[in-house]
Amino acid sequence: MAKSPFLSSIESFMLTRRYSRRTVKTYLYWIKYFIVFHNKQHPRDLGDKHIEQFLTFLAVERKVAAATQKIALNAIVFLKTKFLEQEVGYVGAFKRARLKKKLPVVLTSNEVMSLINQTSGVNQLMISLLYGSGLRRMELLRLRVKDIEFDLGQLHIWDGKGSKNRIVTLAKELHEPLKLQISRVDTLLKSDLFNKHYDGVWMPDALARKYPSSRFDLGWQYLFPASKLSADPDSGVIRRHHFHETAINKIIKQASKNAGILKQVTSHTLRHSFATHLLQSGADIRTVQQQLGHADVKTTEIYTHVLKQGAQGVISPLDRLKH
């Protein structure tokens, strides 16, 4: 179904400002929902009370999670303040979705090893990096060849969550598999260069203008490239994108099943395990915070709860009967 001219104009507005397609899709969903909820009134005529009514509906009727309600609010505030250039006043008088507190799922060291051993080649390398460097899924897939520093044993993560840059550790045992992967990327690039329609890898606008030929350099190529060339959705030119994120999910899910792990395992489970195992090995909380790229140490502190043995360290009275 075609988008309305109004939604299409919002989409164009966001894309020209380099918002990710994921963010654009999410914001458009909530903006459309907001408009439909208020009987398709133009959002220019909807005020703070209308915003509160919609957010309350999401919490009470839809029973959305607190994080989802926050995303909906962000989308509407973006619409009003950025796109329509209207002010948004105090909108705190809405029913807030309940924030469910839950501990992250963490694998044991043996479970991580078992999971990794169910894979091989590039798949094994990707899973090993997710765990070994505590990467988010998209941080892994957006890695470029130049982001690896073998001599210093580290990876550069550019424009991560919150548009932040950071440096993370790189396991020594991954050096050789990574060098082999770079060799594969180099071979693929040389093949692509024979294609007269190939326009190089995507680069951020400012860098693309400053270094126009760098899109053909090995250092700028994605470390985990897609298997096929495709048309850039923005420009239509032929490029080689990175490995698809949904494929990562499938690899981890199948490996978890083959390993007989009953926990729900995702790419973020490996990141949780990285943080917890670092703390277990004696790393301080600030170091783990920096490695994960958390803005607030309170976000990192949840992993300290995972370290408690059993249920807050309480020994079951049943165990004492055996002594």
C-alpha atoms as a PDB file:
ATOM      1  CA  MET A   1       0.000   0.000   0.000  1.00  0.00           C
ATOM      2  CA  ALA A   2       1.367   3.407  -1.028  1.00  0.00           C
ATOM      3  CA  LYS A   3       2.249   5.899   1.684  1.00  0.00           C
ATOM      4  CA  SER A   4       0.298   9.131   1.980  1.00  0.00           C
ATOM      5  CA  PRO A   5       2.049  12.237   0.589  1.00  0.00           C
ATOM      6  CA  PHE A   6       2.402  13.474   4.164  1.00  0.00           C
ATOM      7  CA  LEU A   7       4.177  10.316   5.376  1.00  0.00           C
ATOM      8  CA  SER A   8       6.302  10.245   2.221  1.00  0.00           C
ATOM      9  CA  SER A   9       7.452  13.787   2.920  1.00  0.00           C
ATOM     10  CA  ILE A  10       8.442  12.785   6.476  1.00  0.00           C
ATOM     11  CA  GLU A  11      10.362   9.834   5.070  1.00  0.00           C
ATOM     12  CA  SER A  12      12.267  12.058   2.638  1.00  0.00           C
ATOM     13  CA  PHE A  13      12.926  14.582   5.405  1.00  0.00           C
ATOM     14  CA  MET A  14      14.482  11.879   7.616  1.00  0.00           C
ATOM     15  CA  LEU A  15      16.504  10.185   4.882  1.00  0.00           C
ATOM     16  CA  THR A  16      18.090  13.455   3.743  1.00  0.00           C
ATOM     17  CA  ARG A  17      19.218  13.922   7.340  1.00  0.00           C
ATOM     18  CA  ARG A  18      20.823  10.475   7.360  1.00  0.00           C
ATOM     19  CA  TYR A  19      18.457   8.781   9.783  1.00  0.00           C
ATOM     20  CA  SER A  20      18.801   5.011   9.448  1.00  0.00           C
ATOM     21  CA  ARG A  21      16.124   3.199   7.466  1.00  0.00           C
ATOM     22  CA  ARG A  22      15.294   1.232  10.601  1.00  0.00           C
ATOM     23  CA  THR A  23      14.555   4.459  12.515  1.00  0.00           C
ATOM     24  CA  VAL A  24      12.588   5.904   9.600  1.00  0.00           C
ATOM     25  CA  LYS A  25      10.395   2.793   9.382  1.00  0.00           C
ATOM     26  CA  THR A  26       9.778   2.765  13.138  1.00  0.00           C
ATOM     27  CA  TYR A  27       8.946   6.471  13.380  1.00  0.00           C
ATOM     28  CA  LEU A  28       6.594   6.325  10.398  1.00  0.00           C
ATOM     29  CA  TYR A  29       4.716   3.442  12.010  1.00  0.00           C
ATOM     30  CA  TRP A  30       4.071   5.368  15.244  1.00  0.00           C
ATOM     31  CA  ILE A  31       3.322   8.657  13.490  1.00  0.00           C
ATOM     32  CA  LYS A  32       0.719   6.964  11.309  1.00  0.00           C
ATOM     33  CA  TYR A  33      -0.751   5.197  14.349  1.00  0.00           C
ATOM     34  CA  PHE A  34      -0.945   8.534  16.210  1.00  0.00           C
ATOM     35  CA  ILE A  35      -2.792  10.176  13.315  1.00  0.00           C
ATOM     36  CA  VAL A  36      -5.219   7.274  12.820  1.00  0.00           C
ATOM     37  CA  PHE A  37      -5.898   7.109  16.583  1.00  0.00           C
ATOM     38  CA  HIS A  38      -7.082  10.720  16.448  1.00  0.00           C
ATOM     39  CA  ASN A  39      -9.428  10.076  13.510  1.00  0.00           C
ATOM     40  CA  LYS A  40      -6.901  11.191  10.915  1.00  0.00           C
ATOM     41  CA  GLN A  41      -6.714  14.771  12.111  1.00  0.00           C
ATOM     42  CA  HIS A  42      -3.684  16.608  10.845  1.00  0.00           C
ATOM     43  CA  PRO A  43      -0.971  16.386  13.537  1.00  0.00           C
ATOM     44  CA  ARG A  44      -0.444  20.125  13.265  1.00  0.00           C
ATOM     45  CA  ASP A  45      -3.825  20.467  14.983  1.00  0.00           C
ATOM     46  CA  LEU A  46      -3.041  17.918  17.706  1.00  0.00           C
ATOM     47  CA  GLY A  47      -1.640  19.231  20.982  1.00  0.00           C
ATOM     48  CA  ASP A  48      -0.015  17.962  24.161  1.00  0.00           C
ATOM     49  CA  LYS A  49      -3.268  16.463  25.496  1.00  0.00           C
ATOM     50  CA  HIS A  50      -3.662  14.441  22.315  1.00  0.00           C
ATOM     51  CA  ILE A  51      -0.153  13.072  22.772  1.00  0.00           C
ATOM     52  CA  GLU A  52      -0.926  12.078  26.368  1.00  0.00           C
ATOM     53  CA  GLN A  53      -4.177  10.394  25.315  1.00  0.00           C
ATOM     54  CA  PHE A  54      -2.368   8.314  22.718  1.00  0.00           C
ATOM     55  CA  LEU A  55       0.421   7.266  25.091  1.00  0.00           C
ATOM     56  CA  THR A  56      -2.124   6.320  27.770  1.00  0.00           C
ATOM     57  CA  PHE A  57      -4.001   4.218  25.203  1.00  0.00           C
ATOM     58  CA  LEU A  58      -0.797   2.359  24.358  1.00  0.00           C
ATOM     59  CA  ALA A  59      -0.173   1.545  28.028  1.00  0.00           C
ATOM     60  CA  VAL A  60      -3.727   0.714  29.101  1.00  0.00           C
ATOM     61  CA  GLU A  61      -5.304  -0.840  26.017  1.00  0.00           C
ATOM     62  CA  ARG A  62      -2.347  -2.089  24.006  1.00  0.00           C
ATOM     63  CA  LYS A  63      -0.293  -2.909  27.115  1.00  0.00           C
ATOM     64  CA  VAL A  64       2.940  -2.105  25.327  1.00  0.00           C
ATOM     65  CA  ALA A  65       6.299  -2.289  27.076  1.00  0.00           C
ATOM     66  CA  ALA A  66       7.805   0.842  28.588  1.00  0.00           C
ATOM     67  CA  ALA A  67      10.516   0.906  25.925  1.00  0.00           C
ATOM     68  CA  THR A  68       7.896   0.741  23.156  1.00  0.00           C
ATOM     69  CA  GLN A  69       5.905   3.586  24.687  1.00  0.00           C
ATOM     70  CA  LYS A  70       9.089   5.662  24.840  1.00  0.00           C
ATOM     71  CA  ILE A  71       9.826   5.026  21.158  1.00  0.00           C
ATOM     72  CA  ALA A  72       6.290   6.122  20.268  1.00  0.00           C
ATOM     73  CA  LEU A  73       6.788   9.333  22.269  1.00  0.00           C
ATOM     74  CA  ASN A  74      10.142   9.980  20.556  1.00  0.00           C
ATOM     75  CA  ALA A  75       8.516   9.554  17.137  1.00  0.00           C
ATOM     76  CA  ILE A  76       5.722  12.020  17.934  1.00  0.00           C
ATOM     77  CA  VAL A  77       8.102  14.579  19.457  1.00  0.00           C
ATOM     78  CA  PHE A  78      10.261  14.286  16.335  1.00  0.00           C
ATOM     79  CA  LEU A  79       7.193  14.867  14.166  1.00  0.00           C
ATOM     80  CA  LYS A  80       6.103  17.939  16.096  1.00  0.00           C
ATOM     81  CA  THR A  81       9.427  19.618  16.823  1.00  0.00           C
ATOM     82  CA  LYS A  82      11.642  18.649  13.879  1.00  0.00           C
ATOM     83  CA  PHE A  83       9.264  18.164  10.970  1.00  0.00           C
ATOM     84  CA  LEU A  84       6.381  20.504  11.846  1.00  0.00           C
ATOM     85  CA  GLU A  85       8.596  22.878  13.861  1.00  0.00           C
ATOM     86  CA  GLN A  86       6.054  23.150  16.667  1.00  0.00           C
ATOM     87  CA  GLU A  87       6.748  23.227  20.374  1.00  0.00           C
ATOM     88  CA  VAL A  88       5.830  20.328  22.635  1.00  0.00           C
ATOM     89  CA  GLY A  89       5.078  21.291  26.211  1.00  0.00           C
ATOM     90  CA  TYR A  90       4.767  19.118  29.280  1.00  0.00           C
ATOM     91  CA  VAL A  91       3.380  15.714  28.312  1.00  0.00           C
ATOM     92  CA  GLY A  92       4.046  13.814  31.513  1.00  0.00           C
ATOM     93  CA  ALA A  93       0.413  13.286  32.578  1.00  0.00           C
ATOM     94  CA  PHE A  94      -0.054  10.027  30.725  1.00  0.00           C
ATOM     95  CA  LYS A  95      -0.360   6.500  32.085  1.00  0.00           C
ATOM     96  CA  ARG A  96       3.087   4.998  31.881  1.00  0.00           C
ATOM     97  CA  ALA A  97       3.657   1.470  30.725  1.00  0.00           C
ATOM     98  CA  ARG A  98       4.983  -0.757  33.489  1.00  0.00           C
ATOM     99  CA  LEU A  99       8.699  -1.274  33.349  1.00  0.00           C
ATOM    100  CA  LYS A 100       9.323  -4.967  33.787  1.00  0.00           C
ATOM    101  CA  LYS A 101      12.579  -5.622  35.562  1.00  0.00           C
ATOM    102  CA  LYS A 102      14.314  -8.728  34.376  1.00  0.00           C
ATOM    103  CA  LEU A 103      17.846 -10.025  34.511  1.00  0.00           C
ATOM    104  CA  PRO A 104      19.619 -10.608  31.197  1.00  0.00           C
ATOM    105  CA  VAL A 105      20.012 -14.164  29.923  1.00  0.00           C
ATOM    106  CA  VAL A 106      23.647 -15.190  30.306  1.00  0.00           C
ATOM    107  CA  LEU A 107      25.409 -18.283  29.032  1.00  0.00           C
ATOM    108  CA  THR A 108      28.037 -20.145  30.998  1.00  0.00           C
ATOM    109  CA  SER A 109      31.554 -20.368  29.536  1.00  0.00           C
ATOM    110  CA  ASN A 110      30.877 -23.982  28.564  1.00  0.00           C
ATOM    111  CA  GLU A 111      27.651 -23.019  26.817  1.00  0.00           C
ATOM    112  CA  VAL A 112      29.426 -20.286  24.851  1.00  0.00           C
ATOM    113  CA  MET A 113      32.103 -22.749  23.780  1.00  0.00           C
ATOM    114  CA  SER A 114      29.482 -25.319  22.811  1.00  0.00           C
ATOM    115  CA  LEU A 115      27.596 -22.698  20.789  1.00  0.00           C
ATOM    116  CA  ILE A 116      30.729 -21.581  18.939  1.00  0.00           C
ATOM    117  CA  ASN A 117      31.721 -25.173  18.206  1.00  0.00           C
ATOM    118  CA  GLN A 118      28.447 -25.747  16.380  1.00  0.00           C
ATOM    119  CA  THR A 119      29.572 -23.315  13.676  1.00  0.00           C
ATOM    120  CA  SER A 120      32.553 -22.971  11.382  1.00  0.00           C
ATOM    121  CA  GLY A 121      34.208 -20.530   9.002  1.00  0.00           C
ATOM    122  CA  VAL A 122      32.739 -17.035   8.722  1.00  0.00           C
ATOM    123  CA  ASN A 123      29.741 -17.929  10.895  1.00  0.00           C
ATOM    124  CA  GLN A 124      32.020 -19.007  13.711  1.00  0.00           C
ATOM    125  CA  LEU A 125      34.080 -15.837  13.359  1.00  0.00           C
ATOM    126  CA  MET A 126      30.998 -13.617  13.623  1.00  0.00           C
ATOM    127  CA  ILE A 127      29.675 -15.397  16.709  1.00  0.00           C
ATOM    128  CA  SER A 128      33.141 -15.316  18.288  1.00  0.00           C
ATOM    129  CA  LEU A 129      33.353 -11.551  17.765  1.00  0.00           C
ATOM    130  CA  LEU A 130      29.889 -10.945  19.209  1.00  0.00           C
ATOM    131  CA  TYR A 131      30.978 -12.685  22.399  1.00  0.00           C
ATOM    132  CA  GLY A 132      34.703 -11.916  22.419  1.00  0.00           C
ATOM    133  CA  SER A 133      34.300  -8.163  21.920  1.00  0.00           C
ATOM    134  CA  GLY A 134      30.804  -7.631  23.349  1.00  0.00           C
ATOM    135  CA  LEU A 135      29.459  -6.201  20.114  1.00  0.00           C
ATOM    136  CA  ARG A 136      25.900  -5.349  19.252  1.00  0.00           C
ATOM    137  CA  ARG A 137      24.658  -7.126  16.138  1.00  0.00           C
ATOM    138  CA  MET A 138      24.751  -4.058  13.883  1.00  0.00           C
ATOM    139  CA  GLU A 139      28.144  -3.023  15.238  1.00  0.00           C
ATOM    140  CA  LEU A 140      29.487  -6.365  14.049  1.00  0.00           C
ATOM    141  CA  LEU A 141      27.926  -6.105  10.612  1.00  0.00           C
ATOM    142  CA  ARG A 142      29.058  -2.505  10.072  1.00  0.00           C
ATOM    143  CA  LEU A 143      32.711  -3.278  10.814  1.00  0.00           C
ATOM    144  CA  ARG A 144      35.094  -2.217   8.045  1.00  0.00           C
ATOM    145  CA  VAL A 145      38.456  -3.829   7.350  1.00  0.00           C
ATOM    146  CA  LYS A 146      40.244  -0.688   8.551  1.00  0.00           C
ATOM    147  CA  ASP A 147      38.554  -0.911  11.981  1.00  0.00           C
ATOM    148  CA  ILE A 148      40.817  -3.779  13.064  1.00  0.00           C
ATOM    149  CA  GLU A 149      44.093  -3.010  14.855  1.00  0.00           C
ATOM    150  CA  PHE A 150      45.961  -6.269  15.231  1.00  0.00           C
ATOM    151  CA  ASP A 151      49.054  -4.733  16.879  1.00  0.00           C
ATOM    152  CA  LEU A 152      47.001  -3.179  19.670  1.00  0.00           C
ATOM    153  CA  GLY A 153      44.487  -6.014  19.891  1.00  0.00           C
ATOM    154  CA  GLN A 154      41.443  -3.809  19.466  1.00  0.00           C
ATOM    155  CA  LEU A 155      38.501  -2.884  17.253  1.00  0.00           C
ATOM    156  CA  HIS A 156      37.198   0.589  16.497  1.00  0.00           C
ATOM    157  CA  ILE A 157      33.422   0.902  16.728  1.00  0.00           C
ATOM    158  CA  TRP A 158      32.203   3.977  14.875  1.00  0.00           C
ATOM    159  CA  ASP A 159      28.788   5.572  15.255  1.00  0.00           C
ATOM    160  CA  GLY A 160      27.453   2.930  17.646  1.00  0.00           C
ATOM    161  CA  LYS A 161      24.260   3.284  19.659  1.00  0.00           C
ATOM    162  CA  GLY A 162      23.714   6.946  20.477  1.00  0.00           C
ATOM    163  CA  SER A 163      26.121   7.860  17.641  1.00  0.00           C
ATOM    164  CA  LYS A 164      29.085   7.136  19.919  1.00  0.00           C
ATOM    165  CA  ASN A 165      32.528   5.823  19.031  1.00  0.00           C
ATOM    166  CA  ARG A 166      34.539   3.463  21.212  1.00  0.00           C
ATOM    167  CA  ILE A 167      37.401   0.970  21.245  1.00  0.00           C
ATOM    168  CA  VAL A 168      36.827  -2.648  22.286  1.00  0.00           C
ATOM    169  CA  THR A 169      39.096  -5.587  22.956  1.00  0.00           C
ATOM    170  CA  LEU A 170      39.991  -8.145  20.292  1.00  0.00           C
ATOM    171  CA  ALA A 171      40.808 -11.733  21.225  1.00  0.00           C
ATOM    172  CA  LYS A 172      44.243 -12.881  20.023  1.00  0.00           C
ATOM    173  CA  GLU A 173      42.869 -16.200  18.833  1.00  0.00           C
ATOM    174  CA  LEU A 174      40.735 -14.339  16.294  1.00  0.00           C
ATOM    175  CA  HIS A 175      43.692 -12.639  14.612  1.00  0.00           C
ATOM    176  CA  GLU A 176      44.361 -15.402  12.084  1.00  0.00           C
ATOM    177  CA  PRO A 177      40.680 -16.037  11.218  1.00  0.00           C
ATOM    178  CA  LEU A 178      40.271 -12.275  10.725  1.00  0.00           C
ATOM    179  CA  LYS A 179      43.294 -12.073   8.426  1.00  0.00           C
ATOM    180  CA  LEU A 180      41.832 -14.923   6.393  1.00  0.00           C
ATOM    181  CA  GLN A 181      38.498 -13.072   6.223  1.00  0.00           C
ATOM    182  CA  ILE A 182      40.234  -9.897   5.031  1.00  0.00           C
ATOM    183  CA  SER A 183      41.851 -11.975   2.309  1.00  0.00           C
ATOM    184  CA  ARG A 184      38.389 -13.174   1.244  1.00  0.00           C
ATOM    185  CA  VAL A 185      37.115  -9.582   1.181  1.00  0.00           C
ATOM    186  CA  ASP A 186      40.101  -8.548  -0.935  1.00  0.00           C
ATOM    187  CA  THR A 187      39.390 -11.320  -3.460  1.00  0.00           C
ATOM    188  CA  LEU A 188      35.728 -10.294  -3.591  1.00  0.00           C
ATOM    189  CA  LEU A 189      36.639  -6.635  -4.102  1.00  0.00           C
ATOM    190  CA  LYS A 190      38.982  -7.435  -6.987  1.00  0.00           C
ATOM    191  CA  SER A 191      36.166  -9.377  -8.615  1.00  0.00           C
ATOM    192  CA  ASP A 192      33.693  -6.510  -8.097  1.00  0.00           C
ATOM    193  CA  LEU A 193      36.069  -4.025  -9.698  1.00  0.00           C
ATOM    194  CA  PHE A 194      35.707  -5.891 -12.989  1.00  0.00           C
ATOM    195  CA  ASN A 195      31.996  -5.044 -12.928  1.00  0.00           C
ATOM    196  CA  LYS A 196      31.568  -1.745 -14.796  1.00  0.00           C
ATOM    197  CA  HIS A 197      28.391  -0.992 -12.825  1.00  0.00           C
ATOM    198  CA  TYR A 198      30.032  -1.424  -9.424  1.00  0.00           C
ATOM    199  CA  ASP A 199      30.200   1.913  -7.605  1.00  0.00           C
ATOM    200  CA  GLY A 200      32.117   0.907  -4.492  1.00  0.00           C
ATOM    201  CA  VAL A 201      31.019   0.429  -0.904  1.00  0.00           C
ATOM    202  CA  TRP A 202      28.666   2.893   0.807  1.00  0.00           C
ATOM    203  CA  MET A 203      30.446   5.627   2.757  1.00  0.00           C
ATOM    204  CA  PRO A 204      29.155   8.431   5.016  1.00  0.00           C
ATOM    205  CA  ASP A 205      28.375  11.567   2.992  1.00  0.00           C
ATOM    206  CA  ALA A 206      31.142  13.797   4.352  1.00  0.00           C
ATOM    207  CA  LEU A 207      33.818  11.135   3.823  1.00  0.00           C
ATOM    208  CA  ALA A 208      32.432  10.215   0.414  1.00  0.00           C
ATOM    209  CA  ARG A 209      32.892  13.832  -0.691  1.00  0.00           C
ATOM    210  CA  LYS A 210      36.328  14.224   0.900  1.00  0.00           C
ATOM    211  CA  TYR A 211      37.732  10.885  -0.240  1.00  0.00           C
ATOM    212  CA  PRO A 212      35.715   9.937  -3.353  1.00  0.00           C
ATOM    213  CA  SER A 213      38.015   7.088  -4.415  1.00  0.00           C
ATOM    214  CA  SER A 214      38.105   5.451  -0.969  1.00  0.00           C
ATOM    215  CA  ARG A 215      34.902   3.539  -1.667  1.00  0.00           C
ATOM    216  CA  PHE A 216      37.048   1.213  -3.791  1.00  0.00           C
ATOM    217  CA  ASP A 217      39.786   0.772  -1.134  1.00  0.00           C
ATOM    218  CA  LEU A 218      40.091  -2.510   0.755  1.00  0.00           C
ATOM    219  CA  GLY A 219      40.183  -0.732   4.118  1.00  0.00           C
ATOM    220  CA  TRP A 220      36.692   0.696   3.667  1.00  0.00           C
ATOM    221  CA  GLN A 221      35.041  -2.566   2.637  1.00  0.00           C
ATOM    222  CA  TYR A 222      32.683  -4.274   5.059  1.00  0.00           C
ATOM    223  CA  LEU A 223      34.428  -7.023   6.981  1.00  0.00           C
ATOM    224  CA  PHE A 224      31.419  -9.290   6.464  1.00  0.00           C
ATOM    225  CA  PRO A 225      30.102  -8.455   2.987  1.00  0.00           C
ATOM    226  CA  ALA A 226      26.870  -9.690   1.451  1.00  0.00           C
ATOM    227  CA  SER A 227      27.101 -12.591  -0.958  1.00  0.00           C
ATOM    228  CA  LYS A 228      25.624 -10.588  -3.834  1.00  0.00           C
ATOM    229  CA  LEU A 229      25.789  -7.091  -5.264  1.00  0.00           C
ATOM    230  CA  SER A 230      22.629  -5.011  -4.940  1.00  0.00           C
ATOM    231  CA  ALA A 231      21.214  -1.597  -5.786  1.00  0.00           C
ATOM    232  CA  ASP A 232      21.603   1.091  -3.145  1.00  0.00           C
ATOM    233  CA  PRO A 233      18.026   1.952  -2.003  1.00  0.00           C
ATOM    234  CA  ASP A 234      18.883   5.674  -1.868  1.00  0.00           C
ATOM    235  CA  SER A 235      20.926   6.238  -5.032  1.00  0.00           C
ATOM    236  CA  GLY A 236      20.204   3.142  -7.094  1.00  0.00           C
ATOM    237  CA  VAL A 237      23.906   2.520  -7.763  1.00  0.00           C
ATOM    238  CA  ILE A 238      25.349  -0.991  -7.508  1.00  0.00           C
ATOM    239  CA  ARG A 239      27.153  -1.753  -4.259  1.00  0.00           C
ATOM    240  CA  ARG A 240      28.009  -4.684  -2.013  1.00  0.00           C
ATOM    241  CA  HIS A 241      26.208  -4.251   1.294  1.00  0.00           C
ATOM    242  CA  HIS A 242      27.110  -6.021   4.532  1.00  0.00           C
ATOM    243  CA  PHE A 243      25.862  -9.403   5.715  1.00  0.00           C
ATOM    244  CA  HIS A 244      22.145  -9.292   6.575  1.00  0.00           C
ATOM    245  CA  GLU A 245      21.175  -9.001  10.220  1.00  0.00           C
ATOM    246  CA  THR A 246      18.353 -11.549  10.040  1.00  0.00           C
ATOM    247  CA  ALA A 247      20.840 -14.160   8.832  1.00  0.00           C
ATOM    248  CA  ILE A 248      22.845 -13.663  12.053  1.00  0.00           C
ATOM    249  CA  ASN A 249      19.747 -14.458  14.091  1.00  0.00           C
ATOM    250  CA  LYS A 250      19.176 -17.679  12.179  1.00  0.00           C
ATOM    251  CA  ILE A 251      22.796 -18.796  12.586  1.00  0.00           C
ATOM    252  CA  ILE A 252      22.710 -18.261  16.354  1.00  0.00           C
ATOM    253  CA  LYS A 253      19.309 -19.896  16.753  1.00  0.00           C
ATOM    254  CA  GLN A 254      20.378 -23.008  14.830  1.00  0.00           C
ATOM    255  CA  ALA A 255      23.706 -23.240  16.661  1.00  0.00           C
ATOM    256  CA  SER A 256      21.918 -22.934  20.004  1.00  0.00           C
ATOM    257  CA  LYS A 257      19.513 -25.703  19.034  1.00  0.00           C
ATOM    258  CA  ASN A 258      22.335 -27.972  17.875  1.00  0.00           C
ATOM    259  CA  ALA A 259      24.229 -27.318  21.116  1.00  0.00           C
ATOM    260  CA  GLY A 260      21.190 -28.341  23.152  1.00  0.00           C
ATOM    261  CA  ILE A 261      21.031 -24.994  24.969  1.00  0.00           C
ATOM    262  CA  LEU A 262      17.553 -24.506  26.419  1.00  0.00           C
ATOM    263  CA  LYS A 263      17.973 -20.796  27.140  1.00  0.00           C
ATOM    264  CA  GLN A 264      16.741 -18.277  24.595  1.00  0.00           C
ATOM    265  CA  VAL A 265      19.923 -17.250  22.830  1.00  0.00           C
ATOM    266  CA  THR A 266      20.257 -14.138  20.656  1.00  0.00           C
ATOM    267  CA  SER A 267      23.150 -11.957  19.561  1.00  0.00           C
ATOM    268  CA  HIS A 268      22.516  -9.820  22.645  1.00  0.00           C
ATOM    269  CA  THR A 269      22.804 -12.903  24.874  1.00  0.00           C
ATOM    270  CA  LEU A 270      26.435 -13.144  23.760  1.00  0.00           C
ATOM    271  CA  ARG A 271      26.953  -9.477  24.650  1.00  0.00           C
ATOM    272  CA  HIS A 272      25.386 -10.088  28.085  1.00  0.00           C
ATOM    273  CA  SER A 273      27.692 -13.080  28.559  1.00  0.00           C
ATOM    274  CA  PHE A 274      30.745 -11.015  27.556  1.00  0.00           C
ATOM    275  CA  ALA A 275      29.951  -8.416  30.243  1.00  0.00           C
ATOM    276  CA  THR A 276      29.180 -10.943  32.961  1.00  0.00           C
ATOM    277  CA  HIS A 277      32.283 -13.024  32.272  1.00  0.00           C
ATOM    278  CA  LEU A 278      34.464  -9.891  32.296  1.00  0.00           C
ATOM    279  CA  LEU A 279      33.173  -9.014  35.760  1.00  0.00           C
ATOM    280  CA  GLN A 280      33.691 -12.603  36.896  1.00  0.00           C
ATOM    281  CA  SER A 281      37.325 -12.374  35.812  1.00  0.00           C
ATOM    282  CA  GLY A 282      37.868  -9.300  37.990  1.00  0.00           C
ATOM    283  CA  ALA A 283      37.346  -6.418  35.562  1.00  0.00           C
ATOM    284  CA  ASP A 284      36.010  -3.276  37.223  1.00  0.00           C
ATOM    285  CA  ILE A 285      32.545  -1.966  36.397  1.00  0.00           C
ATOM    286  CA  ARG A 286      33.831   1.198  34.682  1.00  0.00           C
ATOM    287  CA  THR A 287      35.985  -0.823  32.286  1.00  0.00           C
ATOM    288  CA  VAL A 288      33.032  -3.014  31.370  1.00  0.00           C
ATOM    289  CA  GLN A 289      30.893   0.103  30.906  1.00  0.00           C
ATOM    290  CA  GLN A 290      33.434   1.512  28.437  1.00  0.00           C
ATOM    291  CA  GLN A 291      33.702  -1.763  26.559  1.00  0.00           C
ATOM    292  CA  LEU A 292      29.934  -2.000  26.167  1.00  0.00           C
ATOM    293  CA  GLY A 293      29.506   1.672  25.300  1.00  0.00           C
ATOM    294  CA  HIS A 294      26.925   2.347  28.007  1.00  0.00           C
ATOM    295  CA  ALA A 295      26.270   6.032  28.661  1.00  0.00           C
ATOM    296  CA  ASP A 296      25.353   5.363  32.305  1.00  0.00           C
ATOM    297  CA  VAL A 297      27.122   2.928  34.602  1.00  0.00           C
ATOM    298  CA  LYS A 298      23.727   2.040  36.094  1.00  0.00           C
ATOM    299  CA  THR A 299      22.943   0.204  32.863  1.00  0.00           C
ATOM    300  CA  THR A 300      26.090  -1.875  33.333  1.00  0.00           C
ATOM    301  CA  GLU A 301      25.394  -2.603  36.995  1.00  0.00           C
ATOM    302  CA  ILE A 302      22.615  -5.050  36.113  1.00  0.00           C
ATOM    303  CA  TYR A 303      25.340  -7.587  35.343  1.00  0.00           C
ATOM    304  CA  THR A 304      26.528  -7.493  38.938  1.00  0.00           C
ATOM    305  CA  HIS A 305      23.170  -9.001  39.927  1.00  0.00           C
ATOM    306  CA  VAL A 306      23.770 -11.924  37.599  1.00  0.00           C
ATOM    307  CA  LEU A 307      26.995 -12.708  39.430  1.00  0.00           C
ATOM    308  CA  LYS A 308      25.199 -13.519  42.665  1.00  0.00           C
ATOM    309  CA  GLN A 309      25.171 -17.246  43.221  1.00  0.00           C
ATOM    310  CA  GLY A 310      21.800 -18.916  43.235  1.00  0.00           C
ATOM    311  CA  ALA A 311      18.922 -16.823  44.575  1.00  0.00           C
ATOM    312  CA  GLN A 312      20.823 -13.893  46.128  1.00  0.00           C
ATOM    313  CA  GLY A 313      23.367 -16.377  47.467  1.00  0.00           C
ATOM    314  CA  VAL A 314      20.827 -18.206  49.651  1.00  0.00           C
ATOM    315  CA  ILE A 315      21.572 -21.906  50.192  1.00  0.00           C
ATOM    316  CA  SER A 316      18.482 -24.086  50.014  1.00  0.00           C
ATOM    317  CA  PRO A 317      17.663 -25.862  53.315  1.00  0.00           C
ATOM    318  CA  LEU A 318      17.296 -29.061  51.278  1.00  0.00           C
ATOM    319  CA  ASP A 319      21.027 -29.014  50.598  1.00  0.00           C
ATOM    320  CA  ARG A 320      21.744 -28.756  54.327  1.00  0.00           C
ATOM    321  CA  LEU A 321      19.805 -31.942  55.018  1.00  0.00           C
ATOM    322  CA  LYS A 322      22.526 -33.877  53.273  1.00  0.00           C
ATOM    323  CA  HIS A 323      25.164 -32.843  55.789  1.00  0.00           C
END
